[in-house]
Amino acid sequence: MKEYAFGVDVGGTNIKMGLFSSEGMPLEKWEIPTDTKDNGESILPEIAQSIQQHMMHRAIKSGQIAGIGIGVPGPVDEDGVVYKCNNLGWGIFNVRDRMRELLPDIPKVVVGNDANVAALGELWQGGAAGYESAVLFTLGTGIGGGIVLNGKIVAGKNGGAGEVGHITVEPGETVPCKCGKYGCLEQYASARGVVFLAKRMLQETDRPSQLRKIDDFTAKEICALAQAGEEMAGDIIDRFGEYLGRALSFVSCTVDPDVYIIGGGMSQAGSIVTNAVMKYHRKYAFHVSQGTKAVIAKLGNEAGIYGCARMVFLPDTM
């Protein structure tokens, strides 16, 4: 019986790894540093070595392993081909085939984009457990996204599905996004984007705010002031909610998921974020999707390893 799967979430600094049972129980979790020297040439060999060491330590035979799921920070197609991971030094190559060479006794290797596998992890054992379809918005320094429909990741032809942070929500914007476009969702609804909105509002008005007394304030401080009832901070979060709610309404018309998952640092503010977002989602969404809920992600930085393991246990993925 194939009892176990390894989940591997490759980041630019560390590689998170986990051994999971088929029921989704994490049996062991650990990290190894990401060695990006020589264009990341040693990353996959070091992952393979770490997996072999943990199999030996636990006396697990390859016949007990269903496979390995790997999440990477870049576009990935269904064949396991990665289309450049700049922070790892990788160009275009087949991660799945390389891992099969390194671990030939492991029957299955599956590769996915890190945001997509995080969404799958949240559906399996996280904030969206019990649902079949979800779209994840990870609100961190930027905005990542992942789409899972009927339990399966949607990667798109070029691995670019789920790039929700670059939905255009403000066509008249004059300040460029880091991607080179103008008016991307990421410019207003990421942690950095909320600060951008706040600074713009402070410049446009002389309204009183505690933010004027704080040097280099953060999104966390803006949310805290909004929760405390400060009017201007509340207006900033409302503006944030309108941009993100509008983006969710676009996705509803295209994907119509069971639920939205809000993750990343901004999600720690809880209901003040989800209430603002869903207020505008209801305003802009097509009528049949107006009741779609938003939940807060629960697995945090471990969502990726859960999702990677889940990929292994899903049928029809190699």
C-alpha atoms as a PDB file:
ATOM      1  CA  MET A   1       0.000   0.000   0.000  1.00  0.00           C
ATOM      2  CA  LYS A   2       1.246   3.477  -0.864  1.00  0.00           C
ATOM      3  CA  GLU A   3       1.030   5.035   2.583  1.00  0.00           C
ATOM      4  CA  TYR A   4       3.128   8.182   2.350  1.00  0.00           C
ATOM      5  CA  ALA A   5       3.916  11.212   0.239  1.00  0.00           C
ATOM      6  CA  PHE A   6       6.574  13.872   0.487  1.00  0.00           C
ATOM      7  CA  GLY A   7       5.641  17.522   0.021  1.00  0.00           C
ATOM      8  CA  VAL A   8       8.426  19.898  -1.007  1.00  0.00           C
ATOM      9  CA  ASP A   9       7.922  23.682  -1.198  1.00  0.00           C
ATOM     10  CA  VAL A  10      10.950  25.330  -2.810  1.00  0.00           C
ATOM     11  CA  GLY A  11      11.552  28.922  -1.744  1.00  0.00           C
ATOM     12  CA  GLY A  12      14.346  31.321  -2.507  1.00  0.00           C
ATOM     13  CA  THR A  13      15.836  31.043   0.988  1.00  0.00           C
ATOM     14  CA  ASN A  14      14.613  27.747   2.414  1.00  0.00           C
ATOM     15  CA  ILE A  15      13.010  24.562   1.152  1.00  0.00           C
ATOM     16  CA  LYS A  16      10.155  23.352   3.341  1.00  0.00           C
ATOM     17  CA  MET A  17       9.613  19.609   3.336  1.00  0.00           C
ATOM     18  CA  GLY A  18       7.118  17.261   4.912  1.00  0.00           C
ATOM     19  CA  LEU A  19       6.186  13.596   5.116  1.00  0.00           C
ATOM     20  CA  PHE A  20       2.421  13.012   5.032  1.00  0.00           C
ATOM     21  CA  SER A  21       0.049  10.124   5.393  1.00  0.00           C
ATOM     22  CA  SER A  22      -2.630   9.574   2.764  1.00  0.00           C
ATOM     23  CA  GLU A  23      -5.174  11.018   5.240  1.00  0.00           C
ATOM     24  CA  GLY A  24      -3.306  14.320   5.310  1.00  0.00           C
ATOM     25  CA  MET A  25      -1.560  13.834   8.646  1.00  0.00           C
ATOM     26  CA  PRO A  26       1.868  15.509   8.757  1.00  0.00           C
ATOM     27  CA  LEU A  27       4.248  12.934  10.208  1.00  0.00           C
ATOM     28  CA  GLU A  28       7.381  15.051  10.017  1.00  0.00           C
ATOM     29  CA  LYS A  29       8.264  18.556   8.817  1.00  0.00           C
ATOM     30  CA  TRP A  30      11.683  20.092   8.262  1.00  0.00           C
ATOM     31  CA  GLU A  31      13.617  22.647   6.214  1.00  0.00           C
ATOM     32  CA  ILE A  32      16.875  22.772   4.312  1.00  0.00           C
ATOM     33  CA  PRO A  33      18.571  25.915   2.941  1.00  0.00           C
ATOM     34  CA  THR A  34      18.160  26.753  -0.745  1.00  0.00           C
ATOM     35  CA  ASP A  35      21.509  26.752  -2.496  1.00  0.00           C
ATOM     36  CA  THR A  36      21.081  29.066  -5.487  1.00  0.00           C
ATOM     37  CA  LYS A  37      24.747  29.020  -6.535  1.00  0.00           C
ATOM     38  CA  ASP A  38      25.495  27.910 -10.087  1.00  0.00           C
ATOM     39  CA  ASN A  39      21.956  28.704 -11.209  1.00  0.00           C
ATOM     40  CA  GLY A  40      20.451  26.472  -8.542  1.00  0.00           C
ATOM     41  CA  GLU A  41      22.123  23.358  -9.921  1.00  0.00           C
ATOM     42  CA  SER A  42      22.295  21.596  -6.548  1.00  0.00           C
ATOM     43  CA  ILE A  43      18.727  22.329  -5.393  1.00  0.00           C
ATOM     44  CA  LEU A  44      17.103  19.143  -6.673  1.00  0.00           C
ATOM     45  CA  PRO A  45      20.017  16.833  -5.721  1.00  0.00           C
ATOM     46  CA  GLU A  46      19.907  18.211  -2.170  1.00  0.00           C
ATOM     47  CA  ILE A  47      16.139  17.661  -2.009  1.00  0.00           C
ATOM     48  CA  ALA A  48      16.635  14.074  -3.177  1.00  0.00           C
ATOM     49  CA  GLN A  49      19.375  13.516  -0.606  1.00  0.00           C
ATOM     50  CA  SER A  50      17.226  14.888   2.209  1.00  0.00           C
ATOM     51  CA  ILE A  51      14.302  12.645   1.235  1.00  0.00           C
ATOM     52  CA  GLN A  52      16.563   9.592   1.148  1.00  0.00           C
ATOM     53  CA  GLN A  53      17.952  10.435   4.597  1.00  0.00           C
ATOM     54  CA  HIS A  54      14.477  10.723   6.101  1.00  0.00           C
ATOM     55  CA  MET A  55      13.361   7.483   4.487  1.00  0.00           C
ATOM     56  CA  MET A  56      16.365   5.717   6.023  1.00  0.00           C
ATOM     57  CA  HIS A  57      15.756   7.304   9.418  1.00  0.00           C
ATOM     58  CA  ARG A  58      12.149   6.097   9.450  1.00  0.00           C
ATOM     59  CA  ALA A  59      12.915   2.780   7.730  1.00  0.00           C
ATOM     60  CA  ILE A  60      10.460   3.606   4.950  1.00  0.00           C
ATOM     61  CA  LYS A  61      10.835   1.639   1.728  1.00  0.00           C
ATOM     62  CA  SER A  62      10.203   3.121  -1.706  1.00  0.00           C
ATOM     63  CA  GLY A  63       7.246   0.738  -2.136  1.00  0.00           C
ATOM     64  CA  GLN A  64       5.453   2.586   0.667  1.00  0.00           C
ATOM     65  CA  ILE A  65       5.853   5.978  -1.008  1.00  0.00           C
ATOM     66  CA  ALA A  66       3.090   7.181  -3.323  1.00  0.00           C
ATOM     67  CA  GLY A  67       5.334   9.939  -4.629  1.00  0.00           C
ATOM     68  CA  ILE A  68       6.781  13.410  -4.228  1.00  0.00           C
ATOM     69  CA  GLY A  69       5.005  16.701  -4.854  1.00  0.00           C
ATOM     70  CA  ILE A  70       7.109  19.792  -5.511  1.00  0.00           C
ATOM     71  CA  GLY A  71       6.001  23.419  -5.477  1.00  0.00           C
ATOM     72  CA  VAL A  72       8.193  26.011  -7.192  1.00  0.00           C
ATOM     73  CA  PRO A  73       8.021  29.835  -7.410  1.00  0.00           C
ATOM     74  CA  GLY A  74       7.345  30.151 -11.100  1.00  0.00           C
ATOM     75  CA  PRO A  75       5.102  29.017 -13.972  1.00  0.00           C
ATOM     76  CA  VAL A  76       4.891  25.238 -14.380  1.00  0.00           C
ATOM     77  CA  ASP A  77       3.061  23.249 -17.040  1.00  0.00           C
ATOM     78  CA  GLU A  78       1.332  19.901 -16.547  1.00  0.00           C
ATOM     79  CA  ASP A  79       4.432  18.010 -17.689  1.00  0.00           C
ATOM     80  CA  GLY A  80       6.554  19.467 -14.891  1.00  0.00           C
ATOM     81  CA  VAL A  81       8.405  21.963 -17.070  1.00  0.00           C
ATOM     82  CA  VAL A  82       9.322  25.139 -15.180  1.00  0.00           C
ATOM     83  CA  TYR A  83       9.369  28.360 -17.221  1.00  0.00           C
ATOM     84  CA  LYS A  84      12.001  30.306 -15.301  1.00  0.00           C
ATOM     85  CA  CYS A  85      12.267  30.722 -11.534  1.00  0.00           C
ATOM     86  CA  ASN A  86      14.423  33.824 -11.314  1.00  0.00           C
ATOM     87  CA  ASN A  87      15.008  33.725  -7.558  1.00  0.00           C
ATOM     88  CA  LEU A  88      16.288  30.148  -7.857  1.00  0.00           C
ATOM     89  CA  GLY A  89      18.452  30.816 -10.886  1.00  0.00           C
ATOM     90  CA  TRP A  90      16.481  28.307 -12.977  1.00  0.00           C
ATOM     91  CA  GLY A  91      15.753  28.719 -16.647  1.00  0.00           C
ATOM     92  CA  ILE A  92      13.383  26.442 -18.558  1.00  0.00           C
ATOM     93  CA  PHE A  93      13.732  22.775 -17.703  1.00  0.00           C
ATOM     94  CA  ASN A  94      11.765  19.699 -16.657  1.00  0.00           C
ATOM     95  CA  VAL A  95      11.835  19.432 -12.853  1.00  0.00           C
ATOM     96  CA  ARG A  96       9.763  16.239 -12.856  1.00  0.00           C
ATOM     97  CA  ASP A  97      12.122  14.350 -15.167  1.00  0.00           C
ATOM     98  CA  ARG A  98      15.197  15.493 -13.236  1.00  0.00           C
ATOM     99  CA  MET A  99      13.725  14.299  -9.936  1.00  0.00           C
ATOM    100  CA  ARG A 100      12.877  10.954 -11.509  1.00  0.00           C
ATOM    101  CA  GLU A 101      16.525  10.604 -12.483  1.00  0.00           C
ATOM    102  CA  LEU A 102      17.621  11.386  -8.931  1.00  0.00           C
ATOM    103  CA  LEU A 103      15.045   9.129  -7.256  1.00  0.00           C
ATOM    104  CA  PRO A 104      14.238   6.407  -9.795  1.00  0.00           C
ATOM    105  CA  ASP A 105      12.551   4.160  -7.214  1.00  0.00           C
ATOM    106  CA  ILE A 106       9.888   6.757  -6.364  1.00  0.00           C
ATOM    107  CA  PRO A 107       6.884   5.991  -8.582  1.00  0.00           C
ATOM    108  CA  LYS A 108       5.429   9.460  -8.986  1.00  0.00           C
ATOM    109  CA  VAL A 109       6.724  13.031  -9.131  1.00  0.00           C
ATOM    110  CA  VAL A 110       4.316  15.956  -9.521  1.00  0.00           C
ATOM    111  CA  VAL A 111       5.318  19.610  -9.887  1.00  0.00           C
ATOM    112  CA  GLY A 112       3.169  22.709  -9.440  1.00  0.00           C
ATOM    113  CA  ASN A 113       3.366  26.443  -8.955  1.00  0.00           C
ATOM    114  CA  ASP A 114       3.788  27.314  -5.276  1.00  0.00           C
ATOM    115  CA  ALA A 115       0.644  29.464  -5.050  1.00  0.00           C
ATOM    116  CA  ASN A 116      -1.487  26.841  -6.767  1.00  0.00           C
ATOM    117  CA  VAL A 117      -0.299  24.082  -4.459  1.00  0.00           C
ATOM    118  CA  ALA A 118      -0.905  26.336  -1.448  1.00  0.00           C
ATOM    119  CA  ALA A 119      -4.525  26.687  -2.587  1.00  0.00           C
ATOM    120  CA  LEU A 120      -4.777  22.913  -2.876  1.00  0.00           C
ATOM    121  CA  GLY A 121      -3.333  22.523   0.630  1.00  0.00           C
ATOM    122  CA  GLU A 122      -5.903  24.911   2.099  1.00  0.00           C
ATOM    123  CA  LEU A 123      -8.680  22.941   0.400  1.00  0.00           C
ATOM    124  CA  TRP A 124      -7.319  19.677   1.759  1.00  0.00           C
ATOM    125  CA  GLN A 125      -6.574  20.498   5.381  1.00  0.00           C
ATOM    126  CA  GLY A 126      -6.864  24.277   5.812  1.00  0.00           C
ATOM    127  CA  GLY A 127      -9.343  27.114   5.843  1.00  0.00           C
ATOM    128  CA  ALA A 128     -11.305  25.799   2.846  1.00  0.00           C
ATOM    129  CA  ALA A 129     -11.482  22.150   3.933  1.00  0.00           C
ATOM    130  CA  GLY A 130     -14.739  20.597   2.790  1.00  0.00           C
ATOM    131  CA  TYR A 131     -14.952  22.583  -0.446  1.00  0.00           C
ATOM    132  CA  GLU A 132     -13.993  21.353  -3.916  1.00  0.00           C
ATOM    133  CA  SER A 133     -13.202  24.607  -5.734  1.00  0.00           C
ATOM    134  CA  ALA A 134     -11.421  27.719  -4.516  1.00  0.00           C
ATOM    135  CA  VAL A 135      -9.340  30.672  -5.601  1.00  0.00           C
ATOM    136  CA  LEU A 136      -6.569  31.755  -3.251  1.00  0.00           C
ATOM    137  CA  PHE A 137      -5.422  35.375  -2.943  1.00  0.00           C
ATOM    138  CA  THR A 138      -2.174  35.592  -0.949  1.00  0.00           C
ATOM    139  CA  LEU A 139      -1.786  39.190   0.201  1.00  0.00           C
ATOM    140  CA  GLY A 140       1.857  39.616   1.086  1.00  0.00           C
ATOM    141  CA  THR A 141       4.488  42.005  -0.235  1.00  0.00           C
ATOM    142  CA  GLY A 142       2.898  41.240  -3.586  1.00  0.00           C
ATOM    143  CA  ILE A 143      -0.179  39.165  -4.429  1.00  0.00           C
ATOM    144  CA  GLY A 144      -0.014  35.533  -5.389  1.00  0.00           C
ATOM    145  CA  GLY A 145      -2.927  33.387  -6.426  1.00  0.00           C
ATOM    146  CA  GLY A 146      -3.953  29.813  -6.987  1.00  0.00           C
ATOM    147  CA  ILE A 147      -6.953  28.187  -8.638  1.00  0.00           C
ATOM    148  CA  VAL A 148      -8.348  24.756  -7.802  1.00  0.00           C
ATOM    149  CA  LEU A 149     -11.497  23.535  -9.549  1.00  0.00           C
ATOM    150  CA  ASN A 150     -13.196  20.271  -8.598  1.00  0.00           C
ATOM    151  CA  GLY A 151     -10.141  19.307  -6.581  1.00  0.00           C
ATOM    152  CA  LYS A 152      -7.643  19.845  -9.395  1.00  0.00           C
ATOM    153  CA  ILE A 153      -5.145  22.659  -9.912  1.00  0.00           C
ATOM    154  CA  VAL A 154      -5.723  24.910 -12.909  1.00  0.00           C
ATOM    155  CA  ALA A 155      -2.299  25.832 -14.255  1.00  0.00           C
ATOM    156  CA  GLY A 156      -3.173  27.104 -17.733  1.00  0.00           C
ATOM    157  CA  LYS A 157      -1.381  26.458 -21.014  1.00  0.00           C
ATOM    158  CA  ASN A 158       1.752  28.355 -19.993  1.00  0.00           C
ATOM    159  CA  GLY A 159       1.505  27.812 -16.244  1.00  0.00           C
ATOM    160  CA  GLY A 160       0.320  31.385 -15.772  1.00  0.00           C
ATOM    161  CA  ALA A 161      -3.185  30.759 -14.400  1.00  0.00           C
ATOM    162  CA  GLY A 162      -3.763  32.286 -10.978  1.00  0.00           C
ATOM    163  CA  GLU A 163      -1.673  35.432 -11.511  1.00  0.00           C
ATOM    164  CA  VAL A 164      -4.468  37.381  -9.850  1.00  0.00           C
ATOM    165  CA  GLY A 165      -2.136  40.088  -8.593  1.00  0.00           C
ATOM    166  CA  HIS A 166      -1.859  41.434 -12.110  1.00  0.00           C
ATOM    167  CA  ILE A 167      -5.535  41.800 -12.876  1.00  0.00           C
ATOM    168  CA  THR A 168      -5.980  45.425 -13.980  1.00  0.00           C
ATOM    169  CA  VAL A 169      -8.306  47.184 -11.549  1.00  0.00           C
ATOM    170  CA  GLU A 170      -7.322  50.833 -12.162  1.00  0.00           C
ATOM    171  CA  PRO A 171      -6.772  51.545 -15.883  1.00  0.00           C
ATOM    172  CA  GLY A 172      -5.984  55.225 -15.249  1.00  0.00           C
ATOM    173  CA  GLU A 173      -3.030  54.567 -12.934  1.00  0.00           C
ATOM    174  CA  THR A 174       0.135  56.530 -13.786  1.00  0.00           C
ATOM    175  CA  VAL A 175       2.526  54.749 -11.411  1.00  0.00           C
ATOM    176  CA  PRO A 176       3.828  51.457 -12.860  1.00  0.00           C
ATOM    177  CA  CYS A 177       3.528  48.103 -11.147  1.00  0.00           C
ATOM    178  CA  LYS A 178       6.761  46.168 -10.701  1.00  0.00           C
ATOM    179  CA  CYS A 179       5.618  43.929 -13.555  1.00  0.00           C
ATOM    180  CA  GLY A 180       5.669  46.955 -15.893  1.00  0.00           C
ATOM    181  CA  LYS A 181       1.906  47.257 -16.276  1.00  0.00           C
ATOM    182  CA  TYR A 182      -0.261  49.978 -14.718  1.00  0.00           C
ATOM    183  CA  GLY A 183      -3.143  49.613 -12.290  1.00  0.00           C
ATOM    184  CA  CYS A 184      -2.519  46.016 -11.199  1.00  0.00           C
ATOM    185  CA  LEU A 185      -4.385  44.703  -8.165  1.00  0.00           C
ATOM    186  CA  GLU A 186      -1.024  44.172  -6.455  1.00  0.00           C
ATOM    187  CA  GLN A 187      -0.473  47.935  -6.435  1.00  0.00           C
ATOM    188  CA  TYR A 188      -3.436  48.466  -4.091  1.00  0.00           C
ATOM    189  CA  ALA A 189      -4.331  45.253  -2.254  1.00  0.00           C
ATOM    190  CA  SER A 190      -0.967  43.776  -1.231  1.00  0.00           C
ATOM    191  CA  ALA A 191       0.621  44.823   2.071  1.00  0.00           C
ATOM    192  CA  ARG A 192       2.822  47.195   0.085  1.00  0.00           C
ATOM    193  CA  GLY A 193      -0.220  48.319  -1.899  1.00  0.00           C
ATOM    194  CA  VAL A 194      -2.211  49.302   1.194  1.00  0.00           C
ATOM    195  CA  VAL A 195       0.711  51.493   2.269  1.00  0.00           C
ATOM    196  CA  PHE A 196       0.719  53.010  -1.224  1.00  0.00           C
ATOM    197  CA  LEU A 197      -3.006  53.792  -0.917  1.00  0.00           C
ATOM    198  CA  ALA A 198      -2.467  55.324   2.516  1.00  0.00           C
ATOM    199  CA  LYS A 199       0.375  57.575   1.402  1.00  0.00           C
ATOM    200  CA  ARG A 200      -1.624  58.721  -1.588  1.00  0.00           C
ATOM    201  CA  MET A 201      -4.645  59.521   0.602  1.00  0.00           C
ATOM    202  CA  LEU A 202      -2.465  61.384   3.108  1.00  0.00           C
ATOM    203  CA  GLN A 203      -1.072  63.525   0.286  1.00  0.00           C
ATOM    204  CA  GLU A 204      -4.495  64.257  -1.184  1.00  0.00           C
ATOM    205  CA  THR A 205      -6.110  65.419   2.049  1.00  0.00           C
ATOM    206  CA  ASP A 206      -5.293  67.163   5.319  1.00  0.00           C
ATOM    207  CA  ARG A 207      -7.580  64.894   7.329  1.00  0.00           C
ATOM    208  CA  PRO A 208      -6.201  63.956  10.754  1.00  0.00           C
ATOM    209  CA  SER A 209      -4.710  60.504  11.187  1.00  0.00           C
ATOM    210  CA  GLN A 210      -2.324  58.793  13.571  1.00  0.00           C
ATOM    211  CA  LEU A 211      -0.484  57.614  10.465  1.00  0.00           C
ATOM    212  CA  ARG A 212       0.946  61.127  10.088  1.00  0.00           C
ATOM    213  CA  LYS A 213       2.873  60.544  13.324  1.00  0.00           C
ATOM    214  CA  ILE A 214       4.406  57.226  12.243  1.00  0.00           C
ATOM    215  CA  ASP A 215       7.521  57.059  10.091  1.00  0.00           C
ATOM    216  CA  ASP A 216       7.436  54.234   7.528  1.00  0.00           C
ATOM    217  CA  PHE A 217       4.108  52.836   8.719  1.00  0.00           C
ATOM    218  CA  THR A 218       3.065  49.339   7.688  1.00  0.00           C
ATOM    219  CA  ALA A 219      -0.115  47.665   6.514  1.00  0.00           C
ATOM    220  CA  LYS A 220      -0.359  46.050   9.944  1.00  0.00           C
ATOM    221  CA  GLU A 221      -0.441  49.475  11.597  1.00  0.00           C
ATOM    222  CA  ILE A 222      -3.078  50.694   9.146  1.00  0.00           C
ATOM    223  CA  CYS A 223      -5.268  47.677   9.903  1.00  0.00           C
ATOM    224  CA  ALA A 224      -4.803  48.151  13.660  1.00  0.00           C
ATOM    225  CA  LEU A 225      -5.920  51.783  13.450  1.00  0.00           C
ATOM    226  CA  ALA A 226      -8.910  50.779  11.339  1.00  0.00           C
ATOM    227  CA  GLN A 227      -9.854  48.139  13.899  1.00  0.00           C
ATOM    228  CA  ALA A 228      -9.556  50.786  16.621  1.00  0.00           C
ATOM    229  CA  GLY A 229     -12.076  52.925  14.745  1.00  0.00           C
ATOM    230  CA  GLU A 230      -9.915  55.613  13.186  1.00  0.00           C
ATOM    231  CA  GLU A 231     -11.916  57.085  10.327  1.00  0.00           C
ATOM    232  CA  MET A 232      -9.156  57.645   7.809  1.00  0.00           C
ATOM    233  CA  ALA A 233      -7.556  54.237   8.357  1.00  0.00           C
ATOM    234  CA  GLY A 234     -11.014  52.758   7.914  1.00  0.00           C
ATOM    235  CA  ASP A 235     -11.375  54.592   4.603  1.00  0.00           C
ATOM    236  CA  ILE A 236      -8.023  53.219   3.429  1.00  0.00           C
ATOM    237  CA  ILE A 237      -9.151  49.668   4.177  1.00  0.00           C
ATOM    238  CA  ASP A 238     -12.448  50.378   2.456  1.00  0.00           C
ATOM    239  CA  ARG A 239     -10.551  51.500  -0.662  1.00  0.00           C
ATOM    240  CA  PHE A 240      -8.395  48.378  -0.462  1.00  0.00           C
ATOM    241  CA  GLY A 241     -11.574  46.307  -0.147  1.00  0.00           C
ATOM    242  CA  GLU A 242     -13.084  47.896  -3.230  1.00  0.00           C
ATOM    243  CA  TYR A 243     -10.095  47.027  -5.390  1.00  0.00           C
ATOM    244  CA  LEU A 244      -9.867  43.460  -4.116  1.00  0.00           C
ATOM    245  CA  GLY A 245     -13.624  42.948  -4.144  1.00  0.00           C
ATOM    246  CA  ARG A 246     -13.740  44.135  -7.742  1.00  0.00           C
ATOM    247  CA  ALA A 247     -11.016  41.638  -8.668  1.00  0.00           C
ATOM    248  CA  LEU A 248     -12.937  38.835  -6.958  1.00  0.00           C
ATOM    249  CA  SER A 249     -16.010  39.773  -8.987  1.00  0.00           C
ATOM    250  CA  PHE A 250     -13.983  39.399 -12.196  1.00  0.00           C
ATOM    251  CA  VAL A 251     -12.855  35.956 -11.071  1.00  0.00           C
ATOM    252  CA  SER A 252     -16.420  35.003 -10.113  1.00  0.00           C
ATOM    253  CA  CYS A 253     -17.584  35.659 -13.665  1.00  0.00           C
ATOM    254  CA  THR A 254     -14.786  33.471 -15.011  1.00  0.00           C
ATOM    255  CA  VAL A 255     -14.315  30.680 -12.492  1.00  0.00           C
ATOM    256  CA  ASP A 256     -17.255  30.869 -10.026  1.00  0.00           C
ATOM    257  CA  PRO A 257     -15.506  28.990  -7.178  1.00  0.00           C
ATOM    258  CA  ASP A 258     -17.150  27.559  -4.065  1.00  0.00           C
ATOM    259  CA  VAL A 259     -15.097  29.870  -1.870  1.00  0.00           C
ATOM    260  CA  TYR A 260     -12.301  32.431  -1.850  1.00  0.00           C
ATOM    261  CA  ILE A 261      -9.294  31.947   0.407  1.00  0.00           C
ATOM    262  CA  ILE A 262      -7.542  35.050   1.718  1.00  0.00           C
ATOM    263  CA  GLY A 263      -4.001  34.374   2.904  1.00  0.00           C
ATOM    264  CA  GLY A 264      -0.730  36.202   3.467  1.00  0.00           C
ATOM    265  CA  GLY A 265       0.143  38.864   6.010  1.00  0.00           C
ATOM    266  CA  MET A 266      -2.934  41.002   5.350  1.00  0.00           C
ATOM    267  CA  SER A 267      -5.210  38.089   6.250  1.00  0.00           C
ATOM    268  CA  GLN A 268      -4.044  38.300   9.867  1.00  0.00           C
ATOM    269  CA  ALA A 269      -6.316  41.326  10.274  1.00  0.00           C
ATOM    270  CA  GLY A 270      -9.233  38.914   9.948  1.00  0.00           C
ATOM    271  CA  SER A 271     -12.775  40.158   9.517  1.00  0.00           C
ATOM    272  CA  ILE A 272     -11.816  43.791   8.897  1.00  0.00           C
ATOM    273  CA  VAL A 273     -10.244  42.595   5.662  1.00  0.00           C
ATOM    274  CA  THR A 274     -12.832  40.022   4.618  1.00  0.00           C
ATOM    275  CA  ASN A 275     -15.774  42.322   5.441  1.00  0.00           C
ATOM    276  CA  ALA A 276     -14.351  45.127   3.279  1.00  0.00           C
ATOM    277  CA  VAL A 277     -13.624  42.763   0.414  1.00  0.00           C
ATOM    278  CA  MET A 278     -16.948  40.958   0.397  1.00  0.00           C
ATOM    279  CA  LYS A 279     -18.885  44.222   0.664  1.00  0.00           C
ATOM    280  CA  TYR A 280     -17.580  45.160  -2.777  1.00  0.00           C
ATOM    281  CA  HIS A 281     -17.650  41.642  -4.154  1.00  0.00           C
ATOM    282  CA  ARG A 282     -21.406  41.630  -3.522  1.00  0.00           C
ATOM    283  CA  LYS A 283     -21.666  45.019  -5.213  1.00  0.00           C
ATOM    284  CA  TYR A 284     -19.810  44.076  -8.390  1.00  0.00           C
ATOM    285  CA  ALA A 285     -20.307  40.317  -8.794  1.00  0.00           C
ATOM    286  CA  PHE A 286     -22.767  38.719 -11.194  1.00  0.00           C
ATOM    287  CA  HIS A 287     -25.915  37.960  -9.205  1.00  0.00           C
ATOM    288  CA  VAL A 288     -25.492  34.187  -9.003  1.00  0.00           C
ATOM    289  CA  SER A 289     -22.041  34.607  -7.419  1.00  0.00           C
ATOM    290  CA  GLN A 290     -22.824  37.373  -4.936  1.00  0.00           C
ATOM    291  CA  GLY A 291     -23.131  34.936  -2.046  1.00  0.00           C
ATOM    292  CA  THR A 292     -19.712  33.309  -2.492  1.00  0.00           C
ATOM    293  CA  LYS A 293     -17.870  33.333   0.826  1.00  0.00           C
ATOM    294  CA  ALA A 294     -14.309  34.285   1.699  1.00  0.00           C
ATOM    295  CA  VAL A 295     -12.388  32.352   4.345  1.00  0.00           C
ATOM    296  CA  ILE A 296      -9.062  33.042   5.997  1.00  0.00           C
ATOM    297  CA  ALA A 297      -6.207  30.667   5.196  1.00  0.00           C
ATOM    298  CA  LYS A 298      -5.181  28.519   8.168  1.00  0.00           C
ATOM    299  CA  LEU A 299      -2.009  26.712   7.153  1.00  0.00           C
ATOM    300  CA  GLY A 300       0.223  29.765   6.771  1.00  0.00           C
ATOM    301  CA  ASN A 301       3.630  29.071   5.281  1.00  0.00           C
ATOM    302  CA  GLU A 302       2.999  25.318   5.471  1.00  0.00           C
ATOM    303  CA  ALA A 303       0.126  25.348   2.964  1.00  0.00           C
ATOM    304  CA  GLY A 304       2.582  24.555   0.188  1.00  0.00           C
ATOM    305  CA  ILE A 305       3.870  21.287   1.608  1.00  0.00           C
ATOM    306  CA  TYR A 306       0.310  20.143   2.326  1.00  0.00           C
ATOM    307  CA  GLY A 307      -0.703  20.940  -1.236  1.00  0.00           C
ATOM    308  CA  CYS A 308       2.368  19.252  -2.684  1.00  0.00           C
ATOM    309  CA  ALA A 309       1.573  16.053  -0.815  1.00  0.00           C
ATOM    310  CA  ARG A 310      -2.065  16.289  -1.879  1.00  0.00           C
ATOM    311  CA  MET A 311      -1.016  16.461  -5.550  1.00  0.00           C
ATOM    312  CA  VAL A 312       0.572  13.054  -5.148  1.00  0.00           C
ATOM    313  CA  PHE A 313      -2.565  11.418  -3.784  1.00  0.00           C
ATOM    314  CA  LEU A 314      -4.821  12.848  -6.493  1.00  0.00           C
ATOM    315  CA  PRO A 315      -5.549  10.519  -9.435  1.00  0.00           C
ATOM    316  CA  ASP A 316      -4.415  11.229 -12.978  1.00  0.00           C
ATOM    317  CA  THR A 317      -1.414  13.366 -12.042  1.00  0.00           C
ATOM    318  CA  MET A 318       2.093  12.244 -12.880  1.00  0.00           C
END
